[in-house]
Amino acid sequence: MQGPGSIQVVATPAEGATTLRTIIEMIRTLMHADVASIFGFSLADETVSWKAAAGFRSPDIDYEETQRRPDSIALALQALAEDRVVVFEGAGSTSNLPLYVAEGVDYLAVAPIRISGNESGVVTAGFRKPHSFTNDEKNLLKDLAEMAGLTLDNARLQEMVGETETKLRLAQLFAHIGTFDWNIESGINTWSPELEQMYGLPPGEHADSEMVWADLVHPDDRANVVACVLQAFDSRKPVDTQWRVTWADGSVRWLLGRFQLFEDETGRPLRLTGINLDITDRKLAEDAAREMQDQLAKSRRLAAIGQLAAGVAHEVNNPLATITTCAEGMIRDMRDPESKQFAASKRWDIYVEEIVRQAMRCKQITRGLLDLTRQREPQRIFCNLNALLSDCVQVAAMRDGAQIKFETKVDQNIGNIATDPEMVRQILVNLLVNAMDAIGEEHGTITASSMLAGDRVVIEIADTGSGISPDAMAKIFDPFFSTKKTGKGYGLGLSISSSLAESLGGGLTVDSQAGEGSTFRLWLPRLAAE
């Protein structure tokens, strides 16, 4: 039996268990909650299962039990769709939740976990004494729900990786084997039916035709396979290699082959024989396993970022709120006629307004850290996109110095559009910073443009910097991928920007060639304000 002060973690790999334990500890430490829990939902059969919990007193709780709770799941899914935390406050408010009634918990906040596949869940914080949940507490709980979602995703991915590895072993076990024997003197090349099948040929077709074996090999692999055959002749030793074959229907198969040359007593070559194994299933399993491992690695890194961001947002926003409140109080005091003139002569009014503005900006930055792990809904209002673009360019130009020339070309026909200006600003700042880094210490030009493209607006940030190589282009929007020098970036800017652009109903694209600069395009829809 677990005591109320201990943390119970159920059926999660060790690494995920540590993160779930941390989430529970943060709820109880930062919110001072009496009870905290994480539940997993199976949407397929509408069942609920424990994932982690602490503070519950009842000795009769079966943490391994799975129960069918369609009503609770429906409530959580509705809250997820509305991006809100469900709050129960007051005596009897949790009457439909027998577990919390038995625990004497009448004040409960429930944050839904985003859906992944057929899985979802909730993170909860409960109090036995009267408690009013603040907006900061609700936001913290939502952020922790994102962390829990990533952790449960990791567990699911690990299970899938294990299944993929099992399939790989089965593919290796049941690989088909085909054989050939080439009589060098007579020129007769005999294939087994299995080998003909591997090349997509009907039985006997190879023997009845004059086709050249190498023509059946994928063009990109042909030179290597022919070289390996010649190596078998030169070395008189078995030679192994892998290659692809293209069937008549265009499908591609992977083969593993071994060639062995046999000679007579005088050393004259007699026969070249060998075996081929169809390893297509193994290759597909390897690719799937590699992709799963990549997804798992990214998911783990995102979980770590989410955990850090949740703590930072909570710890930083509290002092920022104090700074903002004090600065706003100074602004009110400086409206007094006696102090207004003196404050203006010292520019205190401008300084204090800037303090408020930057404090609010810091709060936006801490929220921006969480954009990698949770898709927050854009708050669309009518804004002047051209003015926003010009303001971002002006700020970038002040930061950079005299080495880079900035040009702004805006389409005056755009007018006001409905979008989230803070999201757009964050994207543009990221693109401008990247453009300046691409030019570096050299002289160069950054051109910021806006234009209409049918029912969309396009903002271009073009630089004359070093450009992006083809290999880097394929991964340029991946989290944690960076072309910058060590210490210059963490590979999050473009990933966050792409995520924000998608949240706005648009997208982020790039055209670039190494040595010829880059052009990033932000595509935004022309929508009505909410």
Protein backbone atom coordinates (compact mmCIF):
# COMPACT_ATOMS: atom_id res chain seq x y z
CA MET A 1 0.00 0.00 0.00
CA GLN A 2 1.20 3.51 -0.87
CA GLY A 3 1.01 6.22 1.76
CA PRO A 4 -0.55 9.63 0.93
CA GLY A 5 2.90 11.22 0.73
CA SER A 6 4.32 8.71 -1.77
CA ILE A 7 3.96 8.74 -5.54
CA GLN A 8 2.50 5.75 -7.36
CA VAL A 9 3.59 5.33 -11.01
CA VAL A 10 1.99 2.57 -13.06
CA ALA A 11 3.13 0.62 -16.18
CA THR A 12 5.54 3.14 -17.67
CA PRO A 13 9.17 2.63 -18.83
CA ALA A 14 11.73 3.82 -16.28
CA GLU A 15 12.55 7.06 -18.10
CA GLY A 16 8.87 7.97 -18.49
CA ALA A 17 8.18 7.04 -14.88
CA THR A 18 10.71 9.64 -13.76
CA THR A 19 8.98 12.35 -15.79
CA LEU A 20 5.51 11.40 -14.54
CA ARG A 21 6.86 11.44 -11.00
CA THR A 22 8.28 14.94 -11.62
CA ILE A 23 4.90 16.15 -12.92
CA ILE A 24 3.14 14.90 -9.79
CA GLU A 25 5.81 16.52 -7.60
CA MET A 26 5.41 19.86 -9.43
CA ILE A 27 1.63 19.81 -8.91
CA ARG A 28 1.97 19.14 -5.22
CA THR A 29 4.94 21.52 -4.71
CA LEU A 30 3.96 24.49 -6.89
CA MET A 31 0.19 24.30 -6.36
CA HIS A 32 0.30 22.76 -2.84
CA ALA A 33 -2.40 20.32 -3.96
CA ASP A 34 -3.59 17.61 -1.58
CA VAL A 35 -3.91 15.02 -4.35
CA ALA A 36 -2.50 14.83 -7.86
CA SER A 37 -3.01 12.22 -10.54
CA ILE A 38 -2.48 11.34 -14.18
CA PHE A 39 -4.98 9.09 -15.95
CA GLY A 40 -4.71 7.49 -19.38
CA PHE A 41 -7.73 7.05 -21.67
CA SER A 42 -8.24 4.42 -24.33
CA LEU A 43 -10.67 5.95 -26.84
CA ALA A 44 -11.13 2.58 -28.54
CA ASP A 45 -12.87 0.92 -25.59
CA GLU A 46 -13.58 4.06 -23.47
CA THR A 47 -11.54 2.83 -20.51
CA VAL A 48 -9.55 4.80 -17.92
CA SER A 49 -6.35 3.62 -16.25
CA TRP A 50 -4.01 5.07 -13.62
CA LYS A 51 -0.63 6.37 -14.79
CA ALA A 52 0.60 8.22 -11.69
CA ALA A 53 -0.89 9.49 -8.42
CA ALA A 54 -0.05 10.89 -5.00
CA GLY A 55 -1.93 12.06 -1.89
CA PHE A 56 -4.75 9.51 -1.97
CA ARG A 57 -5.50 8.01 1.44
CA SER A 58 -7.74 5.06 0.57
CA PRO A 59 -5.98 1.68 0.92
CA ASP A 60 -8.52 0.11 -1.45
CA ILE A 61 -7.36 1.89 -4.63
CA ASP A 62 -6.22 -0.63 -7.25
CA TYR A 63 -3.72 1.28 -9.37
CA GLU A 64 -3.56 -1.60 -11.86
CA GLU A 65 -7.32 -1.52 -12.45
CA THR A 66 -8.84 -0.36 -15.75
CA GLN A 67 -12.42 0.95 -15.66
CA ARG A 68 -14.88 1.94 -18.37
CA ARG A 69 -15.75 5.64 -17.96
CA PRO A 70 -17.33 6.99 -21.20
CA ASP A 71 -18.87 10.06 -19.49
CA SER A 72 -15.56 11.15 -17.96
CA ILE A 73 -13.77 10.68 -21.27
CA ALA A 74 -16.44 12.66 -23.13
CA LEU A 75 -16.07 15.55 -20.64
CA ALA A 76 -12.28 15.56 -21.06
CA LEU A 77 -12.52 15.48 -24.87
CA GLN A 78 -14.92 18.42 -24.82
CA ALA A 79 -12.50 20.38 -22.63
CA LEU A 80 -9.67 19.46 -25.01
CA ALA A 81 -11.63 20.76 -27.99
CA GLU A 82 -12.30 24.02 -26.11
CA ASP A 83 -8.69 24.26 -24.84
CA ARG A 84 -9.75 24.71 -21.23
CA VAL A 85 -9.26 23.23 -17.78
CA VAL A 86 -12.37 21.71 -16.15
CA VAL A 87 -12.82 23.02 -12.60
CA PHE A 88 -15.00 21.59 -9.82
CA GLU A 89 -15.41 23.95 -6.85
CA GLY A 90 -17.62 23.59 -3.79
CA ALA A 91 -19.25 20.92 -1.69
CA GLY A 92 -20.79 18.19 -3.83
CA SER A 93 -19.19 19.44 -7.05
CA THR A 94 -17.38 16.12 -7.51
CA SER A 95 -20.44 13.98 -6.70
CA ASN A 96 -20.18 12.23 -10.08
CA LEU A 97 -16.57 11.28 -9.33
CA PRO A 98 -16.81 8.63 -6.58
CA LEU A 99 -13.05 8.39 -6.06
CA TYR A 100 -12.78 12.06 -5.11
CA VAL A 101 -15.94 11.97 -3.01
CA ALA A 102 -14.40 9.16 -0.96
CA GLU A 103 -11.21 11.22 -0.59
CA GLY A 104 -13.11 14.34 0.52
CA VAL A 105 -11.88 16.32 -2.49
CA ASP A 106 -14.43 19.01 -3.42
CA TYR A 107 -12.06 21.32 -5.31
CA LEU A 108 -10.61 19.73 -8.43
CA ALA A 109 -8.97 20.97 -11.65
CA VAL A 110 -8.71 18.62 -14.64
CA ALA A 111 -6.45 19.38 -17.63
CA PRO A 112 -6.98 17.15 -20.71
CA ILE A 113 -4.07 15.50 -22.51
CA ARG A 114 -4.01 15.85 -26.30
CA ILE A 115 -5.05 12.86 -28.39
CA SER A 116 -2.34 10.65 -29.87
CA GLY A 117 -3.61 7.73 -31.91
CA ASN A 118 -6.41 6.26 -29.81
CA GLU A 119 -4.94 7.47 -26.53
CA SER A 120 -5.61 10.54 -24.38
CA GLY A 121 -5.89 11.29 -20.68
CA VAL A 122 -6.01 13.96 -17.98
CA VAL A 123 -3.81 15.54 -15.32
CA THR A 124 -5.60 16.53 -12.11
CA ALA A 125 -4.96 18.59 -8.98
CA GLY A 126 -7.34 18.35 -6.02
CA PHE A 127 -7.88 20.06 -2.66
CA ARG A 128 -9.84 18.95 0.38
CA LYS A 129 -10.22 22.51 1.70
CA PRO A 130 -11.73 25.44 -0.23
CA HIS A 131 -9.47 26.57 -3.05
CA SER A 132 -9.93 28.98 -5.97
CA PHE A 133 -7.88 28.00 -9.01
CA THR A 134 -5.98 30.95 -10.50
CA ASN A 135 -5.28 31.40 -14.22
CA ASP A 136 -1.60 30.73 -13.56
CA GLU A 137 -2.47 27.42 -11.89
CA LYS A 138 -4.71 26.45 -14.79
CA ASN A 139 -2.00 27.32 -17.30
CA LEU A 140 0.57 25.36 -15.29
CA LEU A 141 -1.74 22.35 -15.24
CA LYS A 142 -2.26 22.60 -19.02
CA ASP A 143 1.50 22.75 -19.54
CA LEU A 144 2.02 19.73 -17.31
CA ALA A 145 -0.67 17.91 -19.29
CA GLU A 146 1.42 18.51 -22.42
CA MET A 147 4.46 17.06 -20.65
CA ALA A 148 2.42 14.03 -19.60
CA GLY A 149 1.16 13.61 -23.16
CA LEU A 150 4.71 13.59 -24.52
CA THR A 151 5.77 11.09 -21.86
CA LEU A 152 2.90 8.74 -22.65
CA ASP A 153 3.74 9.14 -26.34
CA ASN A 154 7.29 8.05 -25.53
CA ALA A 155 5.95 4.92 -23.83
CA ARG A 156 3.75 4.16 -26.83
CA LEU A 157 6.65 4.72 -29.24
CA GLN A 158 8.89 2.44 -27.19
CA GLU A 159 6.27 -0.28 -27.42
CA MET A 160 6.04 0.25 -31.18
CA VAL A 161 9.83 0.13 -31.47
CA GLY A 162 9.81 -3.19 -29.61
CA GLU A 163 7.13 -4.55 -31.94
CA THR A 164 9.10 -3.33 -34.96
CA GLU A 165 12.25 -5.04 -33.73
CA THR A 166 10.29 -8.26 -33.27
CA LYS A 167 9.02 -7.98 -36.85
CA LEU A 168 12.61 -7.42 -37.98
CA ARG A 169 13.73 -10.64 -36.32
CA LEU A 170 10.84 -12.52 -37.93
CA ALA A 171 11.72 -11.05 -41.35
CA GLN A 172 15.26 -12.27 -40.94
CA LEU A 173 14.04 -15.72 -39.86
CA PHE A 174 11.68 -16.22 -42.79
CA ALA A 175 13.81 -14.64 -45.56
CA HIS A 176 13.42 -16.38 -48.95
CA ILE A 177 16.54 -17.85 -50.54
CA GLY A 178 17.18 -18.12 -54.27
CA THR A 179 20.20 -19.71 -55.98
CA PHE A 180 22.00 -19.43 -59.32
CA ASP A 181 24.77 -21.33 -61.06
CA TRP A 182 26.63 -19.85 -64.02
CA ASN A 183 28.64 -22.37 -66.04
CA ILE A 184 31.38 -20.17 -67.47
CA GLU A 185 32.43 -22.62 -70.21
CA SER A 186 28.94 -23.26 -71.60
CA GLY A 187 27.55 -19.83 -70.70
CA ILE A 188 24.43 -21.42 -69.18
CA ASN A 189 23.12 -19.55 -66.16
CA THR A 190 20.63 -21.60 -64.13
CA TRP A 191 18.24 -19.85 -61.75
CA SER A 192 16.04 -21.44 -59.11
CA PRO A 193 12.31 -20.61 -59.21
CA GLU A 194 12.75 -18.66 -55.94
CA LEU A 195 15.39 -16.45 -57.57
CA GLU A 196 13.18 -15.74 -60.57
CA GLN A 197 10.41 -14.77 -58.17
CA MET A 198 12.77 -12.34 -56.40
CA TYR A 199 13.35 -10.54 -59.70
CA GLY A 200 9.64 -10.46 -60.49
CA LEU A 201 9.91 -13.00 -63.30
CA PRO A 202 7.49 -15.85 -64.04
CA PRO A 203 8.99 -19.35 -63.61
CA GLY A 204 11.33 -20.25 -66.48
CA GLU A 205 11.35 -16.77 -68.05
CA HIS A 206 15.01 -16.14 -67.30
CA ALA A 207 16.06 -19.42 -68.97
CA ASP A 208 13.91 -18.71 -72.02
CA SER A 209 15.24 -15.20 -72.64
CA GLU A 210 18.50 -13.55 -73.51
CA MET A 211 18.17 -10.88 -70.84
CA VAL A 212 21.27 -9.63 -69.09
CA TRP A 213 21.10 -10.13 -65.34
CA ALA A 214 22.63 -6.72 -64.60
CA ASP A 215 19.76 -5.02 -66.46
CA LEU A 216 17.41 -6.22 -63.73
CA VAL A 217 19.45 -4.46 -61.02
CA HIS A 218 18.43 -0.95 -59.98
CA PRO A 219 20.50 1.58 -61.99
CA ASP A 220 21.88 3.22 -58.84
CA ASP A 221 23.20 -0.14 -57.57
CA ARG A 222 24.33 -1.68 -60.85
CA ALA A 223 27.95 -0.50 -60.82
CA ASN A 224 28.52 -1.74 -57.28
CA VAL A 225 27.05 -5.21 -57.98
CA VAL A 226 29.09 -5.67 -61.15
CA ALA A 227 32.21 -4.59 -59.23
CA CYS A 228 31.48 -7.22 -56.58
CA VAL A 229 31.16 -9.96 -59.23
CA LEU A 230 34.52 -8.92 -60.68
CA GLN A 231 35.96 -8.93 -57.16
CA ALA A 232 34.83 -12.55 -56.78
CA PHE A 233 36.79 -13.40 -59.95
CA ASP A 234 39.89 -11.51 -58.78
CA SER A 235 39.99 -12.58 -55.14
CA ARG A 236 38.67 -16.16 -55.56
CA LYS A 237 36.87 -15.54 -52.23
CA PRO A 238 33.16 -15.20 -51.41
CA VAL A 239 31.85 -11.65 -51.83
CA ASP A 240 28.67 -10.27 -50.16
CA THR A 241 26.68 -7.17 -51.11
CA GLN A 242 23.16 -5.74 -51.17
CA TRP A 243 21.22 -4.20 -54.05
CA ARG A 244 17.78 -3.32 -55.30
CA VAL A 245 15.87 -4.80 -58.24
CA THR A 246 13.00 -3.10 -60.03
CA TRP A 247 10.09 -5.27 -61.05
CA ALA A 248 8.05 -4.74 -64.21
CA ASP A 249 5.26 -3.11 -62.16
CA GLY A 250 7.74 -0.51 -60.85
CA SER A 251 7.99 -1.91 -57.32
CA VAL A 252 11.44 -2.19 -55.76
CA ARG A 253 12.81 -5.16 -53.82
CA TRP A 254 15.99 -5.45 -51.76
CA LEU A 255 18.28 -8.48 -52.18
CA LEU A 256 21.32 -9.70 -50.29
CA GLY A 257 23.70 -11.77 -52.40
CA ARG A 258 26.86 -13.85 -52.04
CA PHE A 259 29.05 -14.79 -55.02
CA GLN A 260 31.59 -17.64 -55.04
CA LEU A 261 33.92 -18.54 -57.93
CA PHE A 262 34.96 -22.18 -58.45
CA GLU A 263 38.00 -23.20 -60.57
CA ASP A 264 39.69 -26.37 -61.78
CA GLU A 265 43.08 -27.74 -60.71
CA THR A 266 44.90 -25.33 -63.03
CA GLY A 267 43.13 -22.28 -61.61
CA ARG A 268 40.85 -21.83 -64.62
CA PRO A 269 37.40 -20.44 -63.64
CA LEU A 270 34.62 -23.00 -64.07
CA ARG A 271 31.49 -21.73 -62.35
CA LEU A 272 30.18 -18.72 -60.51
CA THR A 273 27.50 -19.72 -58.03
CA GLY A 274 25.68 -17.86 -55.36
CA ILE A 275 22.61 -17.26 -53.27
CA ASN A 276 20.24 -14.32 -53.04
CA LEU A 277 18.03 -13.49 -50.07
CA ASP A 278 14.97 -11.26 -50.37
CA ILE A 279 15.54 -8.81 -47.50
CA THR A 280 12.84 -6.31 -48.47
CA ASP A 281 10.80 -6.91 -45.32
CA ARG A 282 13.94 -6.61 -43.23
CA LYS A 283 14.85 -3.31 -44.91
CA LEU A 284 11.35 -1.95 -44.37
CA ALA A 285 11.48 -3.06 -40.75
CA GLU A 286 14.90 -1.41 -40.33
CA ASP A 287 13.60 1.82 -41.87
CA ALA A 288 10.52 1.71 -39.64
CA ALA A 289 12.65 1.03 -36.56
CA ARG A 290 15.00 3.88 -37.48
CA GLU A 291 12.06 6.23 -37.99
CA MET A 292 10.54 5.15 -34.68
CA GLN A 293 13.84 5.70 -32.90
CA ASP A 294 14.10 9.17 -34.45
CA GLN A 295 10.54 9.99 -33.38
CA LEU A 296 11.23 8.66 -29.91
CA ALA A 297 14.43 10.72 -29.60
CA LYS A 298 12.61 13.87 -30.73
CA SER A 299 9.71 13.15 -28.40
CA ARG A 300 12.11 12.72 -25.47
CA ARG A 301 13.81 16.02 -26.26
CA LEU A 302 10.45 17.77 -26.57
CA ALA A 303 9.38 16.31 -23.23
CA ALA A 304 12.53 17.71 -21.64
CA ILE A 305 11.89 21.12 -23.20
CA GLY A 306 8.27 21.01 -22.03
CA GLN A 307 9.32 20.19 -18.50
CA LEU A 308 11.83 23.05 -18.47
CA ALA A 309 9.38 25.46 -20.08
CA ALA A 310 6.64 24.70 -17.55
CA GLY A 311 8.96 25.42 -14.64
CA VAL A 312 10.38 28.55 -16.28
CA ALA A 313 6.95 29.92 -17.17
CA HIS A 314 5.70 29.47 -13.62
CA GLU A 315 8.80 30.82 -11.87
CA VAL A 316 9.40 33.76 -14.25
CA ASN A 317 5.81 34.91 -14.65
CA ASN A 318 5.38 35.59 -10.92
CA PRO A 319 8.18 38.22 -10.67
CA LEU A 320 7.15 39.61 -14.06
CA ALA A 321 3.65 40.15 -12.72
CA THR A 322 5.12 42.10 -9.77
CA ILE A 323 7.32 44.21 -12.10
CA THR A 324 4.35 44.97 -14.35
CA THR A 325 2.08 45.91 -11.43
CA CYS A 326 4.67 48.24 -9.92
CA ALA A 327 5.45 49.89 -13.25
CA GLU A 328 1.75 50.42 -14.00
CA GLY A 329 1.42 51.99 -10.54
CA MET A 330 4.25 54.42 -11.41
CA ILE A 331 2.48 55.31 -14.65
CA ARG A 332 -0.70 56.16 -12.71
CA ASP A 333 1.31 58.28 -10.24
CA MET A 334 3.01 60.18 -13.07
CA ARG A 335 -0.35 61.27 -14.44
CA ASP A 336 -0.57 63.66 -11.49
CA PRO A 337 -0.05 67.22 -12.85
CA GLU A 338 2.78 67.98 -10.41
CA SER A 339 4.82 64.89 -11.27
CA LYS A 340 3.83 64.55 -14.93
CA GLN A 341 5.98 67.44 -16.18
CA PHE A 342 9.00 66.43 -14.10
CA ALA A 343 8.73 62.79 -15.20
CA ALA A 344 8.48 63.85 -18.82
CA SER A 345 11.58 66.05 -18.48
CA LYS A 346 13.53 63.01 -17.29
CA ARG A 347 11.82 60.70 -19.82
CA TRP A 348 10.68 58.53 -16.93
CA ASP A 349 7.26 58.12 -18.52
CA ILE A 350 8.84 56.61 -21.63
CA TYR A 351 11.14 54.36 -19.60
CA VAL A 352 8.35 53.00 -17.41
CA GLU A 353 6.08 52.35 -20.40
CA GLU A 354 8.95 50.43 -22.00
CA ILE A 355 9.38 48.40 -18.79
CA VAL A 356 5.72 47.38 -18.97
CA ARG A 357 5.98 46.61 -22.67
CA GLN A 358 9.08 44.45 -22.28
CA ALA A 359 7.72 42.68 -19.19
CA MET A 360 4.66 41.71 -21.18
CA ARG A 361 6.96 40.62 -24.00
CA CYS A 362 8.87 38.39 -21.56
CA LYS A 363 5.62 36.71 -20.62
CA GLN A 364 4.99 36.09 -24.30
CA ILE A 365 8.47 34.58 -24.63
CA THR A 366 7.90 32.16 -21.76
CA ARG A 367 4.65 31.12 -23.41
CA GLY A 368 6.52 30.76 -26.70
CA LEU A 369 8.77 28.13 -25.13
CA LEU A 370 5.70 25.94 -24.78
CA ASP A 371 4.68 26.24 -28.43
CA LEU A 372 6.86 23.26 -29.31
CA THR A 373 4.89 20.98 -27.01
CA ARG A 374 1.36 22.38 -27.23
CA GLN A 375 -0.64 23.91 -30.06
CA ARG A 376 -2.17 27.02 -28.52
CA GLU A 377 -5.09 28.53 -30.38
CA PRO A 378 -4.37 31.82 -32.21
CA GLN A 379 -6.19 34.93 -30.99
CA ARG A 380 -7.10 36.57 -34.29
CA ILE A 381 -7.68 40.32 -34.42
CA PHE A 382 -7.49 42.82 -37.25
CA CYS A 383 -3.94 44.14 -37.56
CA ASN A 384 -1.81 46.05 -40.04
CA LEU A 385 0.55 43.37 -41.29
CA ASN A 386 2.75 45.85 -43.16
CA ALA A 387 3.23 47.95 -40.02
CA LEU A 388 4.06 44.81 -38.04
CA LEU A 389 6.65 43.77 -40.63
CA SER A 390 8.21 47.24 -40.71
CA ASP A 391 8.41 47.34 -36.92
CA CYS A 392 10.19 43.98 -36.77
CA VAL A 393 12.68 45.09 -39.46
CA GLN A 394 13.32 48.37 -37.61
CA VAL A 395 14.10 46.49 -34.37
CA ALA A 396 16.38 44.04 -36.22
CA ALA A 397 18.25 46.90 -37.90
CA MET A 398 18.94 48.56 -34.55
CA ARG A 399 20.35 45.34 -33.13
CA ASP A 400 22.60 44.55 -36.03
CA GLY A 401 24.73 47.61 -36.74
CA ALA A 402 26.04 48.93 -40.05
CA GLN A 403 27.21 45.70 -41.76
CA ILE A 404 23.80 44.66 -43.09
CA LYS A 405 21.50 46.73 -45.28
CA PHE A 406 17.77 46.27 -44.64
CA GLU A 407 15.17 46.84 -47.36
CA THR A 408 11.41 46.77 -46.88
CA LYS A 409 8.97 46.37 -49.77
CA VAL A 410 5.31 46.18 -48.80
CA ASP A 411 2.14 45.82 -50.83
CA GLN A 412 -0.15 48.63 -49.75
CA ASN A 413 -3.18 46.73 -51.08
CA ILE A 414 -2.97 44.22 -48.25
CA GLY A 415 -4.57 46.44 -45.64
CA ASN A 416 -5.67 44.96 -42.31
CA ILE A 417 -5.98 41.19 -41.99
CA ALA A 418 -7.25 38.98 -39.18
CA THR A 419 -4.41 37.06 -37.54
CA ASP A 420 -2.58 36.67 -34.23
CA PRO A 421 -0.02 39.52 -34.27
CA GLU A 422 2.08 38.05 -31.43
CA MET A 423 2.48 34.76 -33.28
CA VAL A 424 3.36 36.58 -36.51
CA ARG A 425 5.85 38.80 -34.67
CA GLN A 426 7.59 35.77 -33.15
CA ILE A 427 7.90 34.14 -36.58
CA LEU A 428 9.27 37.30 -38.22
CA VAL A 429 11.79 37.92 -35.42
CA ASN A 430 13.07 34.34 -35.77
CA LEU A 431 13.39 34.68 -39.56
CA LEU A 432 15.19 38.03 -39.33
CA VAL A 433 17.62 36.77 -36.68
CA ASN A 434 18.39 33.72 -38.82
CA ALA A 435 18.94 35.94 -41.86
CA MET A 436 21.40 38.11 -39.91
CA ASP A 437 23.25 35.02 -38.67
CA ALA A 438 23.45 33.69 -42.24
CA ILE A 439 25.20 36.88 -43.37
CA GLY A 440 27.37 37.02 -40.27
CA GLU A 441 30.16 39.59 -40.18
CA GLU A 442 30.10 40.13 -43.95
CA HIS A 443 28.34 42.93 -45.82
CA GLY A 444 24.94 41.84 -47.05
CA THR A 445 21.31 42.70 -47.63
CA ILE A 446 18.10 41.51 -46.01
CA THR A 447 14.90 42.24 -47.92
CA ALA A 448 11.53 42.00 -46.18
CA SER A 449 8.53 41.98 -48.52
CA SER A 450 4.78 41.52 -48.34
CA MET A 451 2.46 40.65 -51.21
CA LEU A 452 -0.95 39.21 -52.04
CA ALA A 453 -1.23 35.72 -53.51
CA GLY A 454 -4.90 34.97 -54.20
CA ASP A 455 -6.67 34.41 -50.89
CA ARG A 456 -3.38 34.41 -49.00
CA VAL A 457 -0.79 36.96 -47.89
CA VAL A 458 2.91 36.17 -48.28
CA ILE A 459 5.74 37.70 -46.26
CA GLU A 460 9.24 37.07 -47.62
CA ILE A 461 12.49 37.41 -45.70
CA ALA A 462 15.36 37.14 -48.17
CA ASP A 463 19.07 37.35 -47.35
CA THR A 464 22.31 37.33 -49.32
CA GLY A 465 24.02 35.03 -46.84
CA SER A 466 25.69 31.65 -47.17
CA GLY A 467 22.57 29.71 -48.20
CA ILE A 468 21.54 26.21 -47.13
CA SER A 469 22.99 22.95 -48.43
CA PRO A 470 20.62 20.28 -49.92
CA ASP A 471 21.26 17.94 -46.97
CA ALA A 472 20.38 20.66 -44.45
CA MET A 473 17.28 21.71 -46.45
CA ALA A 474 15.71 18.30 -45.81
CA LYS A 475 15.93 18.84 -42.03
CA ILE A 476 15.73 22.62 -41.76
CA PHE A 477 12.37 22.64 -39.88
CA ASP A 478 13.19 19.67 -37.62
CA PRO A 479 13.38 20.42 -33.87
CA PHE A 480 16.94 20.73 -32.54
CA PHE A 481 18.50 20.85 -36.04
CA SER A 482 20.79 23.84 -36.52
CA THR A 483 23.35 24.91 -39.11
CA LYS A 484 24.80 27.50 -36.74
CA LYS A 485 28.05 27.14 -34.86
CA THR A 486 28.00 25.56 -31.41
CA GLY A 487 26.58 27.99 -28.87
CA LYS A 488 24.84 30.14 -31.51
CA GLY A 489 21.51 28.33 -31.51
CA TYR A 490 19.56 25.31 -30.31
CA GLY A 491 17.64 24.47 -33.48
CA LEU A 492 14.25 25.51 -32.07
CA GLY A 493 13.52 28.80 -33.88
CA LEU A 494 12.43 27.46 -37.26
CA SER A 495 10.61 24.51 -35.70
CA ILE A 496 8.61 26.85 -33.46
CA SER A 497 8.00 29.23 -36.38
CA SER A 498 6.70 26.41 -38.59
CA SER A 499 4.42 25.21 -35.79
CA LEU A 500 3.08 28.74 -35.26
CA ALA A 501 2.49 29.22 -39.00
CA GLU A 502 0.46 25.99 -39.11
CA SER A 503 -1.55 27.13 -36.07
CA LEU A 504 -2.41 30.28 -38.02
CA GLY A 505 -3.73 28.16 -40.89
CA GLY A 506 -0.73 28.94 -43.08
CA GLY A 507 2.74 27.58 -43.62
CA LEU A 508 6.44 28.34 -43.78
CA THR A 509 8.56 27.48 -46.84
CA VAL A 510 12.13 28.14 -47.95
CA ASP A 511 14.08 28.42 -51.20
CA SER A 512 17.85 28.34 -50.94
CA GLN A 513 21.08 27.26 -52.58
CA ALA A 514 24.43 26.99 -50.89
CA GLY A 515 26.38 30.22 -51.42
CA GLU A 516 23.43 32.14 -52.90
CA GLY A 517 21.35 33.17 -49.90
CA SER A 518 17.91 32.06 -48.72
CA THR A 519 14.31 33.21 -49.00
CA PHE A 520 11.82 32.19 -46.32
CA ARG A 521 8.12 32.71 -47.04
CA LEU A 522 5.39 32.96 -44.43
CA TRP A 523 1.97 32.17 -45.94
CA LEU A 524 -1.08 33.47 -44.07
CA PRO A 525 -4.78 33.17 -44.91
CA ARG A 526 -6.95 36.27 -45.21
CA LEU A 527 -9.53 35.40 -42.57
CA ALA A 528 -12.24 37.29 -40.74
CA ALA A 529 -11.52 38.25 -37.13
CA GLU A 530 -12.92 36.02 -34.38
